[in-house]
Amino acid sequence: GGSVQPGGSLRLSCVVSGTIFSWYDMGWYRQAPGK
């Protein structure tokens, strides 16, 4: 995460440990202020 200008790009990464990763459905969610 970080700060970017409109039109820019970012790459988020999530690393899972402590379980068998391949068993899981994975998702990204977001929460904006007040939402």
PDB file of all heavy atoms in Angstrom:
ATOM      1  N   GLY A   1       0.814  -1.199   0.000  1.00  0.00           N
ATOM      2  CA  GLY A   1       0.000   0.000   0.000  1.00  0.00           C
ATOM      3  C   GLY A   1       0.849   1.251   0.000  1.00  0.00           C
ATOM      4  O   GLY A   1       2.064   1.213   0.217  1.00  0.00           O
ATOM      5  N   GLY A   2       0.204   2.360  -0.258  1.00  0.00           N
ATOM      6  CA  GLY A   2       0.896   3.632  -0.293  1.00  0.00           C
ATOM      7  C   GLY A   2       0.039   4.694  -0.922  1.00  0.00           C
ATOM      8  O   GLY A   2      -1.165   4.517  -1.107  1.00  0.00           O
ATOM      9  N   SER A   3       0.677   5.798  -1.254  1.00  0.00           N
ATOM     10  CA  SER A   3       0.004   6.933  -1.865  1.00  0.00           C
ATOM     11  C   SER A   3       0.426   7.071  -3.315  1.00  0.00           C
ATOM     12  O   SER A   3       1.621   7.019  -3.628  1.00  0.00           O
ATOM     13  CB  SER A   3       0.336   8.223  -1.110  1.00  0.00           C
ATOM     14  OG  SER A   3      -0.147   8.176   0.216  1.00  0.00           O
ATOM     15  N   VAL A   4      -0.556   7.233  -4.185  1.00  0.00           N
ATOM     16  CA  VAL A   4      -0.299   7.399  -5.611  1.00  0.00           C
ATOM     17  C   VAL A   4      -1.213   8.467  -6.173  1.00  0.00           C
ATOM     18  O   VAL A   4      -2.236   8.817  -5.580  1.00  0.00           O
ATOM     19  CB  VAL A   4      -0.496   6.094  -6.404  1.00  0.00           C
ATOM     20  CG1 VAL A   4       0.504   5.032  -5.970  1.00  0.00           C
ATOM     21  CG2 VAL A   4      -1.920   5.582  -6.235  1.00  0.00           C
ATOM     22  N   GLN A   5      -0.843   8.973  -7.335  1.00  0.00           N
ATOM     23  CA  GLN A   5      -1.667   9.935  -8.041  1.00  0.00           C
ATOM     24  C   GLN A   5      -2.754   9.223  -8.834  1.00  0.00           C
ATOM     25  O   GLN A   5      -2.605   8.055  -9.200  1.00  0.00           O
ATOM     26  CB  GLN A   5      -0.813  10.775  -8.979  1.00  0.00           C
ATOM     27  CG  GLN A   5       0.207  11.645  -8.284  1.00  0.00           C
ATOM     28  CD  GLN A   5       1.029  12.454  -9.259  1.00  0.00           C
ATOM     29  OE1 GLN A   5       1.022  12.202 -10.456  1.00  0.00           O
ATOM     30  NE2 GLN A   5       1.742  13.438  -8.746  1.00  0.00           N
ATOM     31  N   PRO A   6      -3.853   9.908  -9.110  1.00  0.00           N
ATOM     32  CA  PRO A   6      -4.849   9.317  -9.994  1.00  0.00           C
ATOM     33  C   PRO A   6      -4.218   8.864 -11.303  1.00  0.00           C
ATOM     34  O   PRO A   6      -3.379   9.558 -11.873  1.00  0.00           O
ATOM     35  CB  PRO A   6      -5.845  10.452 -10.214  1.00  0.00           C
ATOM     36  CG  PRO A   6      -5.733  11.282  -8.982  1.00  0.00           C
ATOM     37  CD  PRO A   6      -4.273  11.230  -8.608  1.00  0.00           C
ATOM     38  N   GLY A   7      -4.633   7.696 -11.761  1.00  0.00           N
ATOM     39  CA  GLY A   7      -4.057   7.109 -12.955  1.00  0.00           C
ATOM     40  C   GLY A   7      -2.851   6.236 -12.696  1.00  0.00           C
ATOM     41  O   GLY A   7      -2.393   5.531 -13.610  1.00  0.00           O
ATOM     42  N   GLY A   8      -2.355   6.249 -11.481  1.00  0.00           N
ATOM     43  CA  GLY A   8      -1.192   5.466 -11.138  1.00  0.00           C
ATOM     44  C   GLY A   8      -1.526   4.018 -10.844  1.00  0.00           C
ATOM     45  O   GLY A   8      -2.677   3.589 -10.953  1.00  0.00           O
ATOM     46  N   SER A   9      -0.501   3.278 -10.449  1.00  0.00           N
ATOM     47  CA  SER A   9      -0.638   1.851 -10.200  1.00  0.00           C
ATOM     48  C   SER A   9       0.000   1.469  -8.874  1.00  0.00           C
ATOM     49  O   SER A   9       0.947   2.113  -8.407  1.00  0.00           O
ATOM     50  CB  SER A   9       0.030   1.035 -11.318  1.00  0.00           C
ATOM     51  OG  SER A   9      -0.557   1.287 -12.576  1.00  0.00           O
ATOM     52  N   LEU A  10      -0.527   0.431  -8.279  1.00  0.00           N
ATOM     53  CA  LEU A  10       0.044  -0.180  -7.095  1.00  0.00           C
ATOM     54  C   LEU A  10      -0.159  -1.681  -7.184  1.00  0.00           C
ATOM     55  O   LEU A  10      -1.119  -2.152  -7.800  1.00  0.00           O
ATOM     56  CB  LEU A  10      -0.604   0.321  -5.809  1.00  0.00           C
ATOM     57  CG  LEU A  10      -0.185   1.666  -5.232  1.00  0.00           C
ATOM     58  CD1 LEU A  10      -1.061   1.994  -4.028  1.00  0.00           C
ATOM     59  CD2 LEU A  10       1.281   1.658  -4.830  1.00  0.00           C
ATOM     60  N   ARG A  11       0.726  -2.411  -6.540  1.00  0.00           N
ATOM     61  CA  ARG A  11       0.607  -3.854  -6.448  1.00  0.00           C
ATOM     62  C   ARG A  11       0.586  -4.255  -4.986  1.00  0.00           C
ATOM     63  O   ARG A  11       1.565  -4.043  -4.268  1.00  0.00           O
ATOM     64  CB  ARG A  11       1.772  -4.540  -7.154  1.00  0.00           C
ATOM     65  CG  ARG A  11       1.653  -6.058  -7.240  1.00  0.00           C
ATOM     66  CD  ARG A  11       3.023  -6.661  -7.373  1.00  0.00           C
ATOM     67  NE  ARG A  11       3.022  -7.960  -8.018  1.00  0.00           N
ATOM     68  CZ  ARG A  11       4.042  -8.815  -7.946  1.00  0.00           C
ATOM     69  NH1 ARG A  11       5.137  -8.502  -7.281  1.00  0.00           N
ATOM     70  NH2 ARG A  11       3.960  -9.980  -8.570  1.00  0.00           N
ATOM     71  N   LEU A  12      -0.522  -4.833  -4.560  1.00  0.00           N
ATOM     72  CA  LEU A  12      -0.642  -5.319  -3.207  1.00  0.00           C
ATOM     73  C   LEU A  12      -0.297  -6.798  -3.148  1.00  0.00           C
ATOM     74  O   LEU A  12      -0.573  -7.549  -4.078  1.00  0.00           O
ATOM     75  CB  LEU A  12      -2.062  -5.121  -2.676  1.00  0.00           C
ATOM     76  CG  LEU A  12      -2.632  -3.704  -2.719  1.00  0.00           C
ATOM     77  CD1 LEU A  12      -4.013  -3.684  -2.073  1.00  0.00           C
ATOM     78  CD2 LEU A  12      -1.698  -2.721  -2.042  1.00  0.00           C
ATOM     79  N   SER A  13       0.286  -7.196  -2.040  1.00  0.00           N
ATOM     80  CA  SER A  13       0.646  -8.582  -1.828  1.00  0.00           C
ATOM     81  C   SER A  13       0.133  -9.031  -0.473  1.00  0.00           C
ATOM     82  O   SER A  13       0.125  -8.264   0.494  1.00  0.00           O
ATOM     83  CB  SER A  13       2.167  -8.756  -1.897  1.00  0.00           C
ATOM     84  OG  SER A  13       2.545 -10.090  -1.602  1.00  0.00           O
ATOM     85  N   CYS A  14      -0.295 -10.268  -0.405  1.00  0.00           N
ATOM     86  CA  CYS A  14      -0.719 -10.877   0.847  1.00  0.00           C
ATOM     87  C   CYS A  14      -0.072 -12.244   0.944  1.00  0.00           C
ATOM     88  O   CYS A  14      -0.293 -13.096   0.081  1.00  0.00           O
ATOM     89  CB  CYS A  14      -2.239 -10.998   0.899  1.00  0.00           C
ATOM     90  SG  CYS A  14      -2.886 -11.951   2.295  1.00  0.00           S
ATOM     91  N   VAL A  15       0.704 -12.435   1.978  1.00  0.00           N
ATOM     92  CA  VAL A  15       1.382 -13.708   2.199  1.00  0.00           C
ATOM     93  C   VAL A  15       0.715 -14.425   3.360  1.00  0.00           C
ATOM     94  O   VAL A  15       0.530 -13.845   4.439  1.00  0.00           O
ATOM     95  CB  VAL A  15       2.879 -13.506   2.473  1.00  0.00           C
ATOM     96  CG1 VAL A  15       3.551 -14.837   2.784  1.00  0.00           C
ATOM     97  CG2 VAL A  15       3.548 -12.850   1.273  1.00  0.00           C
ATOM     98  N   VAL A  16       0.369 -15.674   3.137  1.00  0.00           N
ATOM     99  CA  VAL A  16      -0.339 -16.483   4.124  1.00  0.00           C
ATOM    100  C   VAL A  16       0.623 -17.488   4.729  1.00  0.00           C
ATOM    101  O   VAL A  16       1.384 -18.144   4.017  1.00  0.00           O
ATOM    102  CB  VAL A  16      -1.527 -17.212   3.483  1.00  0.00           C
ATOM    103  CG1 VAL A  16      -2.253 -18.067   4.514  1.00  0.00           C
ATOM    104  CG2 VAL A  16      -2.476 -16.222   2.840  1.00  0.00           C
ATOM    105  N   SER A  17       0.562 -17.638   6.036  1.00  0.00           N
ATOM    106  CA  SER A  17       1.380 -18.625   6.721  1.00  0.00           C
ATOM    107  C   SER A  17       0.549 -19.327   7.784  1.00  0.00           C
ATOM    108  O   SER A  17      -0.495 -18.838   8.208  1.00  0.00           O
ATOM    109  CB  SER A  17       2.616 -17.980   7.355  1.00  0.00           C
ATOM    110  OG  SER A  17       2.245 -17.031   8.341  1.00  0.00           O
ATOM    111  N   GLY A  18       1.008 -20.486   8.198  1.00  0.00           N
ATOM    112  CA  GLY A  18       0.353 -21.215   9.264  1.00  0.00           C
ATOM    113  C   GLY A  18      -0.765 -22.134   8.827  1.00  0.00           C
ATOM    114  O   GLY A  18      -1.428 -22.743   9.685  1.00  0.00           O
ATOM    115  N   THR A  19      -0.978 -22.265   7.527  1.00  0.00           N
ATOM    116  CA  THR A  19      -2.015 -23.147   7.020  1.00  0.00           C
ATOM    117  C   THR A  19      -1.667 -23.548   5.597  1.00  0.00           C
ATOM    118  O   THR A  19      -0.651 -23.114   5.047  1.00  0.00           O
ATOM    119  CB  THR A  19      -3.399 -22.474   7.095  1.00  0.00           C
ATOM    120  OG1 THR A  19      -4.414 -23.439   6.826  1.00  0.00           O
ATOM    121  CG2 THR A  19      -3.494 -21.338   6.086  1.00  0.00           C
ATOM    122  N   ILE A  20      -2.520 -24.370   5.017  1.00  0.00           N
ATOM    123  CA  ILE A  20      -2.267 -24.854   3.662  1.00  0.00           C
ATOM    124  C   ILE A  20      -2.936 -23.902   2.690  1.00  0.00           C
ATOM    125  O   ILE A  20      -4.145 -23.936   2.484  1.00  0.00           O
ATOM    126  CB  ILE A  20      -2.772 -26.289   3.490  1.00  0.00           C
ATOM    127  CG1 ILE A  20      -2.096 -27.212   4.500  1.00  0.00           C
ATOM    128  CG2 ILE A  20      -2.513 -26.779   2.060  1.00  0.00           C
ATOM    129  CD1 ILE A  20      -2.625 -28.632   4.494  1.00  0.00           C
ATOM    130  N   PHE A  21      -2.140 -23.073   2.083  1.00  0.00           N
ATOM    131  CA  PHE A  21      -2.632 -21.973   1.265  1.00  0.00           C
ATOM    132  C   PHE A  21      -3.523 -22.450   0.124  1.00  0.00           C
ATOM    133  O   PHE A  21      -4.546 -21.823  -0.181  1.00  0.00           O
ATOM    134  CB  PHE A  21      -1.440 -21.179   0.725  1.00  0.00           C
ATOM    135  CG  PHE A  21      -1.815 -20.066  -0.209  1.00  0.00           C
ATOM    136  CD1 PHE A  21      -2.340 -18.883   0.275  1.00  0.00           C
ATOM    137  CD2 PHE A  21      -1.629 -20.205  -1.574  1.00  0.00           C
ATOM    138  CE1 PHE A  21      -2.679 -17.851  -0.581  1.00  0.00           C
ATOM    139  CE2 PHE A  21      -1.959 -19.179  -2.440  1.00  0.00           C
ATOM    140  CZ  PHE A  21      -2.485 -18.000  -1.944  1.00  0.00           C
ATOM    141  N   SER A  22      -3.152 -23.527  -0.518  1.00  0.00           N
ATOM    142  CA  SER A  22      -3.858 -23.967  -1.716  1.00  0.00           C
ATOM    143  C   SER A  22      -5.300 -24.398  -1.453  1.00  0.00           C
ATOM    144  O   SER A  22      -6.077 -24.518  -2.397  1.00  0.00           O
ATOM    145  CB  SER A  22      -3.092 -25.099  -2.402  1.00  0.00           C
ATOM    146  OG  SER A  22      -2.979 -26.224  -1.546  1.00  0.00           O
ATOM    147  N   TRP A  23      -5.666 -24.625  -0.204  1.00  0.00           N
ATOM    148  CA  TRP A  23      -7.030 -25.001   0.126  1.00  0.00           C
ATOM    149  C   TRP A  23      -8.001 -23.819   0.078  1.00  0.00           C
ATOM    150  O   TRP A  23      -9.213 -24.027   0.025  1.00  0.00           O
ATOM    151  CB  TRP A  23      -7.105 -25.588   1.544  1.00  0.00           C
ATOM    152  CG  TRP A  23      -6.482 -26.941   1.693  1.00  0.00           C
ATOM    153  CD1 TRP A  23      -5.867 -27.691   0.729  1.00  0.00           C
ATOM    154  CD2 TRP A  23      -6.422 -27.706   2.898  1.00  0.00           C
ATOM    155  NE1 TRP A  23      -5.426 -28.882   1.257  1.00  0.00           N
ATOM    156  CE2 TRP A  23      -5.753 -28.915   2.588  1.00  0.00           C
ATOM    157  CE3 TRP A  23      -6.868 -27.489   4.205  1.00  0.00           C
ATOM    158  CZ2 TRP A  23      -5.528 -29.901   3.546  1.00  0.00           C
ATOM    159  CZ3 TRP A  23      -6.643 -28.460   5.160  1.00  0.00           C
ATOM    160  CH2 TRP A  23      -5.975 -29.654   4.824  1.00  0.00           C
ATOM    161  N   TYR A  24      -7.504 -22.609   0.109  1.00  0.00           N
ATOM    162  CA  TYR A  24      -8.331 -21.447   0.370  1.00  0.00           C
ATOM    163  C   TYR A  24      -8.716 -20.677  -0.881  1.00  0.00           C
ATOM    164  O   TYR A  24      -7.928 -20.528  -1.820  1.00  0.00           O
ATOM    165  CB  TYR A  24      -7.601 -20.494   1.323  1.00  0.00           C
ATOM    166  CG  TYR A  24      -7.485 -21.025   2.724  1.00  0.00           C
ATOM    167  CD1 TYR A  24      -6.513 -21.948   3.062  1.00  0.00           C
ATOM    168  CD2 TYR A  24      -8.367 -20.596   3.715  1.00  0.00           C
ATOM    169  CE1 TYR A  24      -6.425 -22.450   4.354  1.00  0.00           C
ATOM    170  CE2 TYR A  24      -8.274 -21.087   4.998  1.00  0.00           C
ATOM    171  CZ  TYR A  24      -7.307 -22.011   5.316  1.00  0.00           C
ATOM    172  OH  TYR A  24      -7.220 -22.504   6.596  1.00  0.00           O
ATOM    173  N   ASP A  25      -9.944 -20.194  -0.869  1.00  0.00           N
ATOM    174  CA  ASP A  25     -10.324 -19.116  -1.762  1.00  0.00           C
ATOM    175  C   ASP A  25      -9.788 -17.821  -1.161  1.00  0.00           C
ATOM    176  O   ASP A  25      -9.911 -17.593   0.044  1.00  0.00           O
ATOM    177  CB  ASP A  25     -11.841 -19.011  -1.900  1.00  0.00           C
ATOM    178  CG  ASP A  25     -12.453 -20.243  -2.526  1.00  0.00           C
ATOM    179  OD1 ASP A  25     -11.826 -20.837  -3.430  1.00  0.00           O
ATOM    180  OD2 ASP A  25     -13.572 -20.603  -2.123  1.00  0.00           O
ATOM    181  N   MET A  26      -9.197 -16.995  -1.993  1.00  0.00           N
ATOM    182  CA  MET A  26      -8.576 -15.768  -1.521  1.00  0.00           C
ATOM    183  C   MET A  26      -9.297 -14.551  -2.073  1.00  0.00           C
ATOM    184  O   MET A  26      -9.819 -14.574  -3.188  1.00  0.00           O
ATOM    185  CB  MET A  26      -7.104 -15.711  -1.927  1.00  0.00           C
ATOM    186  CG  MET A  26      -6.261 -16.855  -1.402  1.00  0.00           C
ATOM    187  SD  MET A  26      -6.190 -16.897   0.417  1.00  0.00           S
ATOM    188  CE  MET A  26      -5.503 -15.274   0.768  1.00  0.00           C
ATOM    189  N   GLY A  27      -9.302 -13.496  -1.294  1.00  0.00           N
ATOM    190  CA  GLY A  27      -9.965 -12.287  -1.740  1.00  0.00           C
ATOM    191  C   GLY A  27      -9.323 -11.036  -1.208  1.00  0.00           C
ATOM    192  O   GLY A  27      -8.570 -11.061  -0.230  1.00  0.00           O
ATOM    193  N   TRP A  28      -9.618  -9.956  -1.900  1.00  0.00           N
ATOM    194  CA  TRP A  28      -9.265  -8.629  -1.435  1.00  0.00           C
ATOM    195  C   TRP A  28     -10.546  -7.843  -1.196  1.00  0.00           C
ATOM    196  O   TRP A  28     -11.437  -7.837  -2.046  1.00  0.00           O
ATOM    197  CB  TRP A  28      -8.394  -7.878  -2.444  1.00  0.00           C
ATOM    198  CG  TRP A  28      -6.975  -8.353  -2.492  1.00  0.00           C
ATOM    199  CD1 TRP A  28      -6.429  -9.231  -3.375  1.00  0.00           C
ATOM    200  CD2 TRP A  28      -5.913  -7.949  -1.621  1.00  0.00           C
ATOM    201  NE1 TRP A  28      -5.103  -9.410  -3.111  1.00  0.00           N
ATOM    202  CE2 TRP A  28      -4.754  -8.639  -2.043  1.00  0.00           C
ATOM    203  CE3 TRP A  28      -5.829  -7.084  -0.533  1.00  0.00           C
ATOM    204  CZ2 TRP A  28      -3.524  -8.481  -1.407  1.00  0.00           C
ATOM    205  CZ3 TRP A  28      -4.611  -6.930   0.102  1.00  0.00           C
ATOM    206  CH2 TRP A  28      -3.480  -7.623  -0.338  1.00  0.00           C
ATOM    207  N   TYR A  29     -10.619  -7.212  -0.058  1.00  0.00           N
ATOM    208  CA  TYR A  29     -11.711  -6.332   0.311  1.00  0.00           C
ATOM    209  C   TYR A  29     -11.144  -4.960   0.624  1.00  0.00           C
ATOM    210  O   TYR A  29      -9.950  -4.812   0.858  1.00  0.00           O
ATOM    211  CB  TYR A  29     -12.456  -6.869   1.535  1.00  0.00           C
ATOM    212  CG  TYR A  29     -13.221  -8.158   1.298  1.00  0.00           C
ATOM    213  CD1 TYR A  29     -12.564  -9.360   1.098  1.00  0.00           C
ATOM    214  CD2 TYR A  29     -14.612  -8.164   1.294  1.00  0.00           C
ATOM    215  CE1 TYR A  29     -13.259 -10.536   0.886  1.00  0.00           C
ATOM    216  CE2 TYR A  29     -15.321  -9.340   1.088  1.00  0.00           C
ATOM    217  CZ  TYR A  29     -14.632 -10.521   0.889  1.00  0.00           C
ATOM    218  OH  TYR A  29     -15.336 -11.685   0.688  1.00  0.00           O
ATOM    219  N   ARG A  30     -12.010  -3.972   0.632  1.00  0.00           N
ATOM    220  CA  ARG A  30     -11.559  -2.646   1.022  1.00  0.00           C
ATOM    221  C   ARG A  30     -12.634  -1.940   1.832  1.00  0.00           C
ATOM    222  O   ARG A  30     -13.822  -2.218   1.709  1.00  0.00           O
ATOM    223  CB  ARG A  30     -11.159  -1.805  -0.195  1.00  0.00           C
ATOM    224  CG  ARG A  30     -12.305  -1.417  -1.127  1.00  0.00           C
ATOM    225  CD  ARG A  30     -11.758  -0.751  -2.383  1.00  0.00           C
ATOM    226  NE  ARG A  30     -12.812  -0.317  -3.283  1.00  0.00           N
ATOM    227  CZ  ARG A  30     -12.605   0.121  -4.518  1.00  0.00           C
ATOM    228  NH1 ARG A  30     -11.359   0.186  -5.007  1.00  0.00           N
ATOM    229  NH2 ARG A  30     -13.630   0.503  -5.273  1.00  0.00           N
ATOM    230  N   GLN A  31     -12.180  -1.022   2.649  1.00  0.00           N
ATOM    231  CA  GLN A  31     -13.077  -0.242   3.482  1.00  0.00           C
ATOM    232  C   GLN A  31     -12.627   1.206   3.456  1.00  0.00           C
ATOM    233  O   GLN A  31     -11.536   1.538   3.935  1.00  0.00           O
ATOM    234  CB  GLN A  31     -13.091  -0.774   4.916  1.00  0.00           C
ATOM    235  CG  GLN A  31     -14.128  -0.111   5.800  1.00  0.00           C
ATOM    236  CD  GLN A  31     -14.310  -0.840   7.114  1.00  0.00           C
ATOM    237  OE1 GLN A  31     -13.470  -1.639   7.525  1.00  0.00           O
ATOM    238  NE2 GLN A  31     -15.423  -0.578   7.776  1.00  0.00           N
ATOM    239  N   ALA A  32     -13.462   2.041   2.882  1.00  0.00           N
ATOM    240  CA  ALA A  32     -13.201   3.465   2.833  1.00  0.00           C
ATOM    241  C   ALA A  32     -13.735   4.116   4.101  1.00  0.00           C
ATOM    242  O   ALA A  32     -14.613   3.566   4.778  1.00  0.00           O
ATOM    243  CB  ALA A  32     -13.850   4.077   1.602  1.00  0.00           C
ATOM    244  N   PRO A  33     -13.232   5.302   4.441  1.00  0.00           N
ATOM    245  CA  PRO A  33     -13.718   5.978   5.647  1.00  0.00           C
ATOM    246  C   PRO A  33     -15.230   6.152   5.635  1.00  0.00           C
ATOM    247  O   PRO A  33     -15.808   6.618   4.652  1.00  0.00           O
ATOM    248  CB  PRO A  33     -13.010   7.331   5.590  1.00  0.00           C
ATOM    249  CG  PRO A  33     -11.759   7.066   4.812  1.00  0.00           C
ATOM    250  CD  PRO A  33     -12.165   6.056   3.770  1.00  0.00           C
ATOM    251  N   GLY A  34     -15.870   5.756   6.722  1.00  0.00           N
ATOM    252  CA  GLY A  34     -17.311   5.889   6.844  1.00  0.00           C
ATOM    253  C   GLY A  34     -18.116   4.892   6.049  1.00  0.00           C
ATOM    254  O   GLY A  34     -19.344   5.012   5.997  1.00  0.00           O
ATOM    255  N   LYS A  35     -17.456   3.913   5.437  1.00  0.00           N
ATOM    256  CA  LYS A  35     -18.137   2.939   4.601  1.00  0.00           C
ATOM    257  C   LYS A  35     -17.962   1.531   5.148  1.00  0.00           C
ATOM    258  O   LYS A  35     -17.101   1.266   5.981  1.00  0.00           O
ATOM    259  CB  LYS A  35     -17.593   2.993   3.170  1.00  0.00           C
ATOM    260  CG  LYS A  35     -17.697   4.347   2.491  1.00  0.00           C
ATOM    261  CD  LYS A  35     -19.125   4.697   2.164  1.00  0.00           C
ATOM    262  CE  LYS A  35     -19.189   5.973   1.344  1.00  0.00           C
ATOM    263  NZ  LYS A  35     -20.589   6.319   0.987  1.00  0.00           N
TER     264      LYS A  35
END
